[in-house]
Amino acid sequence: MKIHFYFRFCSLVGLLAVLLCGGCTYHGKIHRDIYKHSDYEEKINARVMVVADKFFPQTLTLQGDSQYYFRLSDGLPIAVAEALGTLFTEVEVNEYKYRKNYDYIVELDYKAALHAGLAEVRLENTFFSQVIFHPFLRTELTLTVRNPQSGYAAARYQETSDVFLEDASSSSLLWMTGFLRVITLGLLTPLHIQAYGGHIRQLLEEGIVKNLSSQIMPAMEEDRVNFSKTHLTEQTNVRVDGKYIPFMQATVYIYTDTGLGSGFLISPDGYIITNRHVVEDARDVSVILYDQRRLMDKTEPGKSANPTATNNKVRFAKVLKTNQTRDLALLKMEGENLPYLELETDRSAYVTGQEVLAVGAPRGVEWSVSRGIISAARDHNGIDTLQTDAAVNSGNSGGPLISLQTGRVLGVNSWAIVPSADIGDLRSGVENLNFAVSSYEVQRTLGVTQPVDPDDFPLPSD
């Protein structure tokens, strides 16, 4: 009897030691088999693979009163596969290298964060009040469906949800562990953290199921026409860019951690002209070429595409030279035999009324073309500029303004004058008042000539 009691006592001491030494952080995982819903009446006949080893964080760390670690790599892909299995005839979780064996692959991206939330002031009496914060958990689940043969994004579904964490007074377990934490003067804080972490894990699982069942899967079912076998091979939505293809092939899509813009190649070995405000203070930027456009996510008008969600190997360019006053930048990426455009540096070629094209990514809608004329050539505070009525919007910055007559670049699209929120400004109807820094200014500011001499622009040392 004494031995049995001693064994229990030692086990209790050991458990407390583990809690005290390692219990100030919570380690958990998303469980399997959390998605329980009936199948749709008519399934889509397609083989789908949920990517298990790429494109979503394998672990999630939440920062609150402590650190909470959750392993996603097991339960999250399984939950998504179970959800997709209600709509598609065959769904598996597999490694990315096996993607060619399926009709579609689904990439996952998951984000979550704890927030303090709003403060509530509770008046107990005339002399005493209590401030209570209502923390909440914000989660975001994104599914990108791709054709594994081409890498083209067939569809993308993203859902964000906010869930308020349960107050200790409404959870018997949290109330008990919180009470023990107080009466032991913090000695059993690890026990409370483990209970709180388990509660957060449960909320994460409930959020995943809710986003899938009430938002993502109904939207996917409505989009079933996008996942039919005929849609895999049909060519009805292929771009036909015709005579403008050479201009688009020489125009690039640039993005940094803080924004996006356009640029254009001026040499076959990868020199690029863009605006300084596109690259800001970055030393390296990401570049996507026209031939890689099918790997981009589909773009909603007015909403920027998300290049970081692609599975293509984006190229990287180094920033060689910038001029903030004239808003110009010269970049260099690796390459050979690349399509490029020639700069028109002869100012006599800037003729009012000349027809021009602006190529770029307005509002993230990449490789778009707008047409207009040169409205005037102007001296803007000592900067040689071209005024044009060709539509220029956010994202066009850094793209080329091209002469339809010669095919040469007359300027770098830089800024537009748009109406402010002031009612008088809106009534004035400011439209089509856009400006480009001329190619003449590019040459004299950056010292660029064609062909570009690499000795004039050595690569910076990292």
Protein backbone atom coordinates (compact mmCIF):
# COMPACT_ATOMS: atom_id res chain seq x y z
CA MET A 1 0.00 0.00 0.00
CA LYS A 2 2.83 2.37 0.87
CA ILE A 3 4.59 1.50 -2.40
CA HIS A 4 1.44 2.24 -4.36
CA PHE A 5 0.99 5.59 -2.62
CA TYR A 6 4.66 6.42 -3.15
CA PHE A 7 4.32 5.64 -6.85
CA ARG A 8 1.31 7.97 -7.19
CA PHE A 9 3.06 10.69 -5.26
CA CYS A 10 6.13 10.45 -7.51
CA SER A 11 3.92 10.55 -10.63
CA LEU A 12 2.16 13.69 -9.38
CA VAL A 13 5.47 15.35 -8.58
CA GLY A 14 6.78 14.41 -12.02
CA LEU A 15 3.69 15.83 -13.73
CA LEU A 16 3.99 19.10 -11.84
CA ALA A 17 7.69 19.25 -12.71
CA VAL A 18 6.91 18.84 -16.40
CA LEU A 19 4.24 21.53 -16.23
CA LEU A 20 6.48 23.96 -14.38
CA CYS A 21 9.55 23.39 -16.57
CA GLY A 22 7.96 23.11 -19.97
CA GLY A 23 4.39 24.20 -19.53
CA CYS A 24 4.80 27.93 -20.20
CA THR A 25 4.32 27.15 -23.87
CA TYR A 26 1.59 25.06 -25.44
CA HIS A 27 2.27 22.41 -28.08
CA GLY A 28 -0.68 20.93 -29.93
CA LYS A 29 -1.82 19.85 -33.37
CA ILE A 30 -4.86 20.05 -35.61
CA HIS A 31 -6.62 16.72 -35.28
CA ARG A 32 -7.65 14.46 -38.12
CA ASP A 33 -11.24 13.65 -39.05
CA ILE A 34 -12.65 17.01 -37.98
CA TYR A 35 -14.73 17.52 -41.17
CA LYS A 36 -18.02 15.63 -41.05
CA HIS A 37 -20.47 16.59 -43.79
CA SER A 38 -22.56 14.74 -46.34
CA ASP A 39 -21.64 14.53 -50.01
CA TYR A 40 -23.11 16.78 -52.68
CA GLU A 41 -25.78 15.09 -54.78
CA GLU A 42 -23.72 15.21 -57.97
CA LYS A 43 -19.97 14.87 -57.75
CA ILE A 44 -17.42 16.26 -60.20
CA ASN A 45 -15.55 13.48 -61.98
CA ALA A 46 -11.95 14.57 -61.38
CA ARG A 47 -8.87 13.41 -59.49
CA VAL A 48 -7.72 16.03 -57.00
CA MET A 49 -4.58 16.14 -54.88
CA VAL A 50 -4.21 18.25 -51.76
CA VAL A 51 -0.56 19.28 -51.55
CA ALA A 52 0.80 18.08 -48.23
CA ASP A 53 4.35 19.36 -48.27
CA LYS A 54 4.31 22.87 -49.77
CA PHE A 55 2.48 26.19 -49.87
CA PHE A 56 1.19 26.34 -46.30
CA PRO A 57 2.97 26.66 -42.96
CA GLN A 58 3.69 23.29 -41.42
CA THR A 59 3.43 24.80 -37.96
CA LEU A 60 1.61 27.81 -36.56
CA THR A 61 2.77 30.00 -33.67
CA LEU A 62 0.35 32.27 -31.84
CA GLN A 63 1.55 34.97 -29.47
CA GLY A 64 -0.70 35.74 -26.53
CA ASP A 65 -0.04 35.68 -22.80
CA SER A 66 2.30 32.85 -23.77
CA GLN A 67 3.37 31.04 -26.93
CA TYR A 68 1.08 28.48 -28.52
CA TYR A 69 2.47 26.10 -31.12
CA PHE A 70 0.21 24.05 -33.40
CA ARG A 71 1.25 21.47 -35.98
CA LEU A 72 -0.84 21.88 -39.15
CA SER A 73 0.93 19.42 -41.44
CA ASP A 74 -1.24 16.46 -40.46
CA GLY A 75 -4.76 17.63 -39.71
CA LEU A 76 -5.21 20.60 -42.07
CA PRO A 77 -4.58 18.78 -45.41
CA ILE A 78 -6.76 15.90 -44.22
CA ALA A 79 -9.62 18.26 -43.33
CA VAL A 80 -9.42 19.95 -46.73
CA ALA A 81 -9.27 16.58 -48.51
CA GLU A 82 -12.34 15.38 -46.60
CA ALA A 83 -14.18 18.55 -47.61
CA LEU A 84 -13.20 18.23 -51.26
CA GLY A 85 -14.19 14.58 -51.18
CA THR A 86 -17.80 15.67 -50.78
CA LEU A 87 -17.65 17.31 -54.23
CA PHE A 88 -15.01 15.44 -56.26
CA THR A 89 -14.99 11.72 -57.05
CA GLU A 90 -11.38 11.12 -55.99
CA VAL A 91 -9.33 13.20 -53.54
CA GLU A 92 -5.97 12.34 -51.99
CA VAL A 93 -3.32 14.03 -49.88
CA ASN A 94 0.05 13.62 -51.52
CA GLU A 95 3.46 15.20 -52.07
CA TYR A 96 3.94 17.93 -54.65
CA LYS A 97 6.26 15.80 -56.79
CA TYR A 98 3.33 13.51 -57.66
CA ARG A 99 1.11 16.32 -58.97
CA LYS A 100 1.25 15.21 -62.64
CA ASN A 101 -0.92 12.19 -61.82
CA TYR A 102 -3.95 14.35 -61.00
CA ASP A 103 -6.44 16.56 -62.80
CA TYR A 104 -6.11 19.33 -60.20
CA ILE A 105 -3.92 20.14 -57.24
CA VAL A 106 -4.99 22.25 -54.30
CA GLU A 107 -2.44 24.42 -52.50
CA LEU A 108 -3.17 25.57 -48.97
CA ASP A 109 -2.31 28.77 -47.18
CA TYR A 110 -3.35 29.30 -43.58
CA LYS A 111 -2.85 32.26 -41.28
CA ALA A 112 -3.97 32.90 -37.73
CA ALA A 113 -3.24 35.51 -35.07
CA LEU A 114 -4.43 36.39 -31.57
CA HIS A 115 -5.63 39.97 -31.05
CA ALA A 116 -6.34 41.82 -27.82
CA GLY A 117 -9.71 42.99 -29.05
CA LEU A 118 -11.89 45.79 -27.69
CA ALA A 119 -11.84 46.88 -24.07
CA GLU A 120 -15.01 46.86 -21.99
CA VAL A 121 -15.30 48.99 -18.86
CA ARG A 122 -17.48 47.42 -16.19
CA LEU A 123 -18.64 49.71 -13.38
CA GLU A 124 -18.91 47.67 -10.20
CA ASN A 125 -19.92 50.66 -8.05
CA THR A 126 -19.24 54.35 -7.66
CA PHE A 127 -15.63 53.85 -6.64
CA PHE A 128 -14.58 50.75 -8.54
CA SER A 129 -14.50 49.82 -12.21
CA GLN A 130 -12.91 46.98 -14.14
CA VAL A 131 -11.45 46.98 -17.66
CA ILE A 132 -11.91 43.67 -19.49
CA PHE A 133 -10.40 42.92 -22.90
CA HIS A 134 -12.20 40.55 -25.25
CA PRO A 135 -9.43 38.76 -27.18
CA PHE A 136 -10.30 37.22 -30.51
CA LEU A 137 -8.72 34.80 -32.96
CA ARG A 138 -8.50 35.88 -36.62
CA THR A 139 -7.96 33.10 -39.15
CA GLU A 140 -7.58 33.07 -42.92
CA LEU A 141 -7.81 29.94 -45.06
CA THR A 142 -6.91 30.05 -48.76
CA LEU A 143 -7.31 27.26 -51.32
CA THR A 144 -5.72 27.69 -54.74
CA VAL A 145 -6.82 25.13 -57.35
CA ARG A 146 -4.35 24.59 -60.19
CA ASN A 147 -3.99 22.57 -63.33
CA PRO A 148 -0.81 20.58 -62.49
CA GLN A 149 0.20 20.31 -66.14
CA SER A 150 0.35 24.04 -66.85
CA GLY A 151 0.46 25.51 -63.37
CA TYR A 152 -2.49 27.73 -64.29
CA ALA A 153 -4.71 28.77 -61.39
CA ALA A 154 -8.23 27.57 -62.17
CA ALA A 155 -9.75 29.14 -59.06
CA ARG A 156 -8.88 30.60 -55.69
CA TYR A 157 -10.97 30.69 -52.53
CA GLN A 158 -10.13 32.74 -49.45
CA GLU A 159 -12.12 33.10 -46.25
CA THR A 160 -11.34 35.13 -43.14
CA SER A 161 -13.13 34.76 -39.83
CA ASP A 162 -12.93 36.31 -36.36
CA VAL A 163 -13.77 34.21 -33.30
CA PHE A 164 -13.88 35.68 -29.80
CA LEU A 165 -12.13 33.57 -27.22
CA GLU A 166 -14.30 32.23 -24.46
CA ASP A 167 -14.16 34.15 -21.20
CA ALA A 168 -12.94 32.20 -18.19
CA SER A 169 -16.28 32.65 -16.44
CA SER A 170 -18.10 30.72 -19.18
CA SER A 171 -15.71 27.74 -19.28
CA SER A 172 -15.51 25.51 -16.23
CA LEU A 173 -12.05 24.23 -17.16
CA LEU A 174 -10.58 27.68 -17.80
CA TRP A 175 -12.27 29.03 -14.68
CA MET A 176 -10.82 26.24 -12.54
CA THR A 177 -7.27 26.53 -13.92
CA GLY A 178 -7.44 30.31 -13.67
CA PHE A 179 -8.59 30.04 -10.07
CA LEU A 180 -5.74 27.62 -9.24
CA ARG A 181 -3.33 30.01 -10.95
CA VAL A 182 -4.43 32.81 -8.62
CA ILE A 183 -4.49 30.93 -5.32
CA THR A 184 -1.06 29.39 -5.99
CA LEU A 185 0.34 32.85 -6.77
CA GLY A 186 1.19 31.84 -10.33
CA LEU A 187 2.70 28.47 -9.51
CA LEU A 188 0.11 26.68 -11.67
CA THR A 189 0.23 29.18 -14.52
CA PRO A 190 1.50 26.44 -16.89
CA LEU A 191 -1.60 24.39 -16.14
CA HIS A 192 -3.81 27.31 -17.17
CA ILE A 193 -1.76 27.84 -20.33
CA GLN A 194 -2.24 24.20 -21.34
CA ALA A 195 -5.98 24.50 -20.82
CA TYR A 196 -6.11 27.78 -22.73
CA GLY A 197 -4.02 26.30 -25.57
CA GLY A 198 -6.40 23.37 -25.84
CA HIS A 199 -9.28 25.80 -26.08
CA ILE A 200 -7.55 27.74 -28.87
CA ARG A 201 -6.85 24.49 -30.75
CA GLN A 202 -10.54 23.62 -30.60
CA LEU A 203 -11.45 27.06 -31.96
CA LEU A 204 -8.94 26.67 -34.79
CA GLU A 205 -10.50 23.36 -35.77
CA GLU A 206 -14.02 24.77 -35.58
CA GLY A 207 -12.93 27.73 -37.73
CA ILE A 208 -11.40 25.49 -40.39
CA VAL A 209 -14.57 23.40 -40.59
CA LYS A 210 -16.78 26.50 -40.69
CA ASN A 211 -14.78 28.19 -43.47
CA LEU A 212 -14.84 25.03 -45.54
CA SER A 213 -18.46 24.02 -45.03
CA SER A 214 -20.24 27.37 -45.08
CA GLN A 215 -18.08 29.39 -47.48
CA ILE A 216 -15.49 27.62 -49.60
CA MET A 217 -17.27 24.40 -50.56
CA PRO A 218 -20.58 26.10 -51.57
CA ALA A 219 -18.60 28.54 -53.73
CA MET A 220 -16.65 25.69 -55.29
CA GLU A 221 -19.85 23.79 -56.02
CA GLU A 222 -21.23 26.83 -57.83
CA ASP A 223 -18.01 26.97 -59.84
CA ARG A 224 -18.24 23.30 -60.87
CA VAL A 225 -18.17 24.27 -64.56
CA ASN A 226 -14.55 25.40 -64.02
CA PHE A 227 -13.55 21.88 -62.98
CA SER A 228 -15.13 19.84 -65.75
CA LYS A 229 -12.95 17.69 -67.99
CA THR A 230 -13.82 19.84 -71.01
CA HIS A 231 -12.65 22.93 -69.18
CA LEU A 232 -9.21 21.33 -68.76
CA THR A 233 -8.69 21.28 -72.53
CA GLU A 234 -10.88 24.08 -73.89
CA GLN A 235 -9.12 27.12 -75.35
CA THR A 236 -11.97 29.63 -75.20
CA ASN A 237 -10.27 31.82 -72.57
CA VAL A 238 -6.81 31.97 -74.11
CA ARG A 239 -5.51 35.50 -74.56
CA VAL A 240 -5.13 36.75 -78.13
CA ASP A 241 -2.71 39.66 -77.91
CA GLY A 242 -1.92 39.77 -81.62
CA LYS A 243 0.40 42.52 -82.80
CA TYR A 244 0.96 43.76 -79.25
CA ILE A 245 2.71 40.58 -78.12
CA PRO A 246 6.25 41.99 -78.68
CA PHE A 247 5.42 44.95 -76.41
CA MET A 248 3.99 42.70 -73.71
CA GLN A 249 6.87 40.24 -73.86
CA ALA A 250 9.27 43.08 -73.12
CA THR A 251 7.11 44.40 -70.25
CA VAL A 252 7.61 42.84 -66.82
CA TYR A 253 5.59 42.67 -63.63
CA ILE A 254 7.55 43.84 -60.55
CA TYR A 255 6.63 43.36 -56.92
CA THR A 256 8.28 44.00 -53.59
CA ASP A 257 7.29 43.50 -49.97
CA THR A 258 5.50 46.85 -50.05
CA GLY A 259 3.84 47.00 -53.46
CA LEU A 260 3.76 46.22 -57.13
CA GLY A 261 4.32 47.91 -60.45
CA SER A 262 5.58 47.48 -63.98
CA GLY A 263 8.84 47.79 -65.87
CA PHE A 264 10.33 46.97 -69.25
CA LEU A 265 13.45 45.31 -70.62
CA ILE A 266 15.96 47.41 -72.55
CA SER A 267 18.50 44.69 -73.33
CA PRO A 268 18.54 40.96 -74.16
CA ASP A 269 20.59 40.22 -71.04
CA GLY A 270 18.06 41.56 -68.54
CA TYR A 271 18.45 45.31 -67.88
CA ILE A 272 15.11 46.81 -66.79
CA ILE A 273 13.81 50.37 -66.49
CA THR A 274 11.08 51.22 -63.97
CA ASN A 275 10.06 53.93 -61.50
CA ARG A 276 12.01 54.49 -58.33
CA HIS A 277 8.78 54.50 -56.29
CA VAL A 278 8.08 50.95 -57.51
CA VAL A 279 11.26 49.56 -55.93
CA GLU A 280 11.56 52.16 -53.14
CA ASP A 281 14.60 51.23 -50.99
CA ALA A 282 14.72 47.54 -51.94
CA ARG A 283 17.99 46.03 -53.12
CA ASP A 284 16.30 43.09 -54.83
CA VAL A 285 12.83 42.78 -56.38
CA SER A 286 10.83 39.92 -57.89
CA VAL A 287 10.09 39.91 -61.60
CA ILE A 288 7.59 37.91 -63.66
CA LEU A 289 7.77 37.75 -67.44
CA TYR A 290 4.88 37.69 -69.89
CA ASP A 291 5.40 34.02 -70.72
CA GLN A 292 4.84 33.20 -67.03
CA ARG A 293 1.54 35.08 -66.79
CA ARG A 294 -0.54 31.86 -66.89
CA LEU A 295 1.02 30.91 -63.57
CA MET A 296 -0.44 33.95 -61.90
CA ASP A 297 -3.63 33.70 -59.90
CA LYS A 298 -6.72 34.88 -61.71
CA THR A 299 -7.20 38.59 -61.14
CA GLU A 300 -10.43 40.23 -60.13
CA PRO A 301 -10.84 43.69 -61.73
CA GLY A 302 -9.82 46.31 -59.21
CA LYS A 303 -8.08 43.79 -56.97
CA SER A 304 -4.36 43.08 -57.16
CA ALA A 305 -3.18 39.58 -58.00
CA ASN A 306 -1.08 37.78 -55.43
CA PRO A 307 2.25 36.85 -57.09
CA THR A 308 3.52 35.24 -53.88
CA ALA A 309 0.85 32.57 -54.22
CA THR A 310 2.24 31.29 -57.54
CA ASN A 311 4.22 28.11 -57.93
CA ASN A 312 6.43 29.42 -60.71
CA LYS A 313 10.07 30.22 -60.14
CA VAL A 314 9.94 34.00 -60.19
CA ARG A 315 13.07 35.80 -61.27
CA PHE A 316 14.92 38.29 -59.14
CA ALA A 317 16.47 41.55 -60.20
CA LYS A 318 19.02 43.71 -58.43
CA VAL A 319 18.52 47.45 -58.14
CA LEU A 320 21.58 49.05 -59.76
CA LYS A 321 20.75 52.74 -59.81
CA THR A 322 17.92 55.04 -58.76
CA ASN A 323 17.02 58.72 -58.93
CA GLN A 324 14.32 59.81 -56.52
CA THR A 325 13.78 63.30 -57.96
CA ARG A 326 13.08 61.96 -61.45
CA ASP A 327 11.51 58.75 -60.14
CA LEU A 328 13.66 56.40 -62.20
CA ALA A 329 15.40 53.10 -61.49
CA LEU A 330 17.64 50.69 -63.39
CA LEU A 331 17.50 46.97 -62.53
CA LYS A 332 19.36 43.89 -63.71
CA MET A 333 18.10 40.31 -63.82
CA GLU A 334 19.79 37.22 -65.19
CA GLY A 335 18.87 36.21 -68.73
CA GLU A 336 19.85 35.99 -72.35
CA ASN A 337 18.04 36.46 -75.65
CA LEU A 338 15.23 38.24 -73.82
CA PRO A 339 12.78 40.42 -75.79
CA TYR A 340 13.40 44.12 -75.20
CA LEU A 341 12.33 47.59 -76.30
CA GLU A 342 14.36 50.45 -77.71
CA LEU A 343 14.33 53.88 -76.11
CA GLU A 344 13.44 56.88 -78.28
CA THR A 345 15.84 59.50 -76.94
CA ASP A 346 15.40 62.01 -79.78
CA ARG A 347 13.20 64.76 -78.35
CA SER A 348 12.02 65.79 -81.81
CA ALA A 349 10.11 62.47 -81.94
CA TYR A 350 7.81 63.56 -79.10
CA VAL A 351 5.09 64.98 -81.33
CA THR A 352 1.78 66.17 -79.91
CA GLY A 353 -1.05 64.01 -81.22
CA GLN A 354 1.18 60.97 -81.82
CA GLU A 355 -0.63 57.72 -80.98
CA VAL A 356 0.80 55.78 -78.05
CA LEU A 357 0.22 52.65 -75.98
CA ALA A 358 0.64 52.32 -72.21
CA VAL A 359 1.47 48.74 -71.16
CA GLY A 360 1.47 47.61 -67.53
CA ALA A 361 -0.49 46.20 -64.62
CA PRO A 362 -3.17 48.75 -63.65
CA ARG A 363 -4.53 47.84 -60.20
CA GLY A 364 -2.69 44.52 -60.50
CA VAL A 365 -4.46 43.51 -63.75
CA GLU A 366 -1.21 42.53 -65.39
CA TRP A 367 -0.24 43.06 -69.05
CA SER A 368 -3.05 45.41 -69.91
CA VAL A 369 -2.87 47.86 -72.81
CA SER A 370 -4.45 51.32 -73.00
CA ARG A 371 -4.31 53.60 -76.04
CA GLY A 372 -4.13 57.35 -76.41
CA ILE A 373 -2.03 60.21 -77.76
CA ILE A 374 0.73 62.47 -76.58
CA SER A 375 -1.15 65.47 -75.24
CA ALA A 376 1.99 67.58 -74.82
CA ALA A 377 5.71 67.45 -74.07
CA ARG A 378 6.42 69.46 -70.93
CA ASP A 379 9.18 70.64 -68.60
CA HIS A 380 7.98 69.62 -65.14
CA ASN A 381 10.26 71.34 -62.61
CA GLY A 382 13.26 70.63 -64.77
CA ILE A 383 12.17 67.07 -65.64
CA ASP A 384 11.44 66.24 -69.27
CA THR A 385 7.95 64.70 -69.26
CA LEU A 386 5.23 63.63 -71.66
CA GLN A 387 1.57 64.27 -70.96
CA THR A 388 -0.77 61.59 -72.33
CA ASP A 389 -4.45 60.69 -72.23
CA ALA A 390 -3.67 56.96 -72.35
CA ALA A 391 -5.16 55.49 -69.15
CA VAL A 392 -2.56 55.15 -66.39
CA ASN A 393 -3.51 53.74 -62.99
CA SER A 394 -1.77 52.41 -59.90
CA GLY A 395 0.29 49.43 -61.10
CA ASN A 396 1.05 51.02 -64.50
CA SER A 397 3.95 52.83 -62.82
CA GLY A 398 7.25 51.97 -64.45
CA GLY A 399 5.68 50.55 -67.61
CA PRO A 400 6.50 51.78 -71.12
CA LEU A 401 4.69 54.47 -73.10
CA ILE A 402 5.22 53.21 -76.65
CA SER A 403 4.90 54.99 -80.00
CA LEU A 404 2.50 53.09 -82.26
CA GLN A 405 4.34 54.56 -85.24
CA THR A 406 7.86 53.38 -84.41
CA GLY A 407 7.41 50.80 -81.64
CA ARG A 408 9.97 52.63 -79.51
CA VAL A 409 9.54 53.68 -75.88
CA LEU A 410 8.84 57.39 -75.60
CA GLY A 411 8.64 57.45 -71.81
CA VAL A 412 8.15 55.68 -68.49
CA ASN A 413 4.58 55.93 -67.14
CA SER A 414 4.92 57.58 -63.75
CA TRP A 415 1.90 59.38 -62.31
CA ALA A 416 -1.60 60.66 -62.96
CA ILE A 417 -3.65 63.57 -61.67
CA VAL A 418 -6.92 62.25 -60.30
CA PRO A 419 -9.82 63.96 -58.52
CA SER A 420 -9.61 64.08 -54.74
CA ALA A 421 -12.50 63.41 -52.40
CA ASP A 422 -13.30 67.12 -52.41
CA ILE A 423 -16.71 67.66 -54.02
CA GLY A 424 -15.43 70.56 -56.05
CA ASP A 425 -12.61 68.44 -57.43
CA LEU A 426 -15.04 65.67 -58.30
CA ARG A 427 -17.31 68.09 -60.15
CA SER A 428 -14.39 69.42 -62.14
CA GLY A 429 -14.14 66.01 -63.85
CA VAL A 430 -10.37 65.50 -63.87
CA GLU A 431 -9.75 62.73 -66.44
CA ASN A 432 -7.00 61.43 -68.69
CA LEU A 433 -4.31 63.66 -67.21
CA ASN A 434 -1.34 61.29 -67.05
CA PHE A 435 2.41 61.77 -67.22
CA ALA A 436 5.49 59.81 -68.22
CA VAL A 437 9.18 60.60 -67.72
CA SER A 438 10.61 60.81 -71.25
CA SER A 439 13.20 58.37 -72.59
CA TYR A 440 15.45 61.38 -73.19
CA GLU A 441 15.30 62.00 -69.43
CA VAL A 442 16.00 58.30 -68.76
CA GLN A 443 19.17 58.46 -70.84
CA ARG A 444 20.54 61.66 -69.34
CA THR A 445 19.59 60.79 -65.74
CA LEU A 446 20.64 57.13 -65.56
CA GLY A 447 23.33 57.28 -68.23
CA VAL A 448 21.72 54.40 -70.15
CA THR A 449 22.61 53.80 -73.78
CA GLN A 450 21.72 50.87 -76.01
CA PRO A 451 23.24 48.38 -76.18
CA VAL A 452 23.82 48.59 -72.43
CA ASP A 453 27.46 48.32 -71.40
CA PRO A 454 27.73 46.13 -68.24
CA ASP A 455 30.91 47.95 -67.26
CA ASP A 456 28.86 51.13 -66.75
CA PHE A 457 26.67 49.44 -64.15
CA PRO A 458 28.55 46.96 -61.95
CA LEU A 459 26.45 44.71 -59.76
CA PRO A 460 26.33 45.85 -56.12
CA SER A 461 28.00 43.68 -53.51
CA ASP A 462 25.59 42.19 -50.95
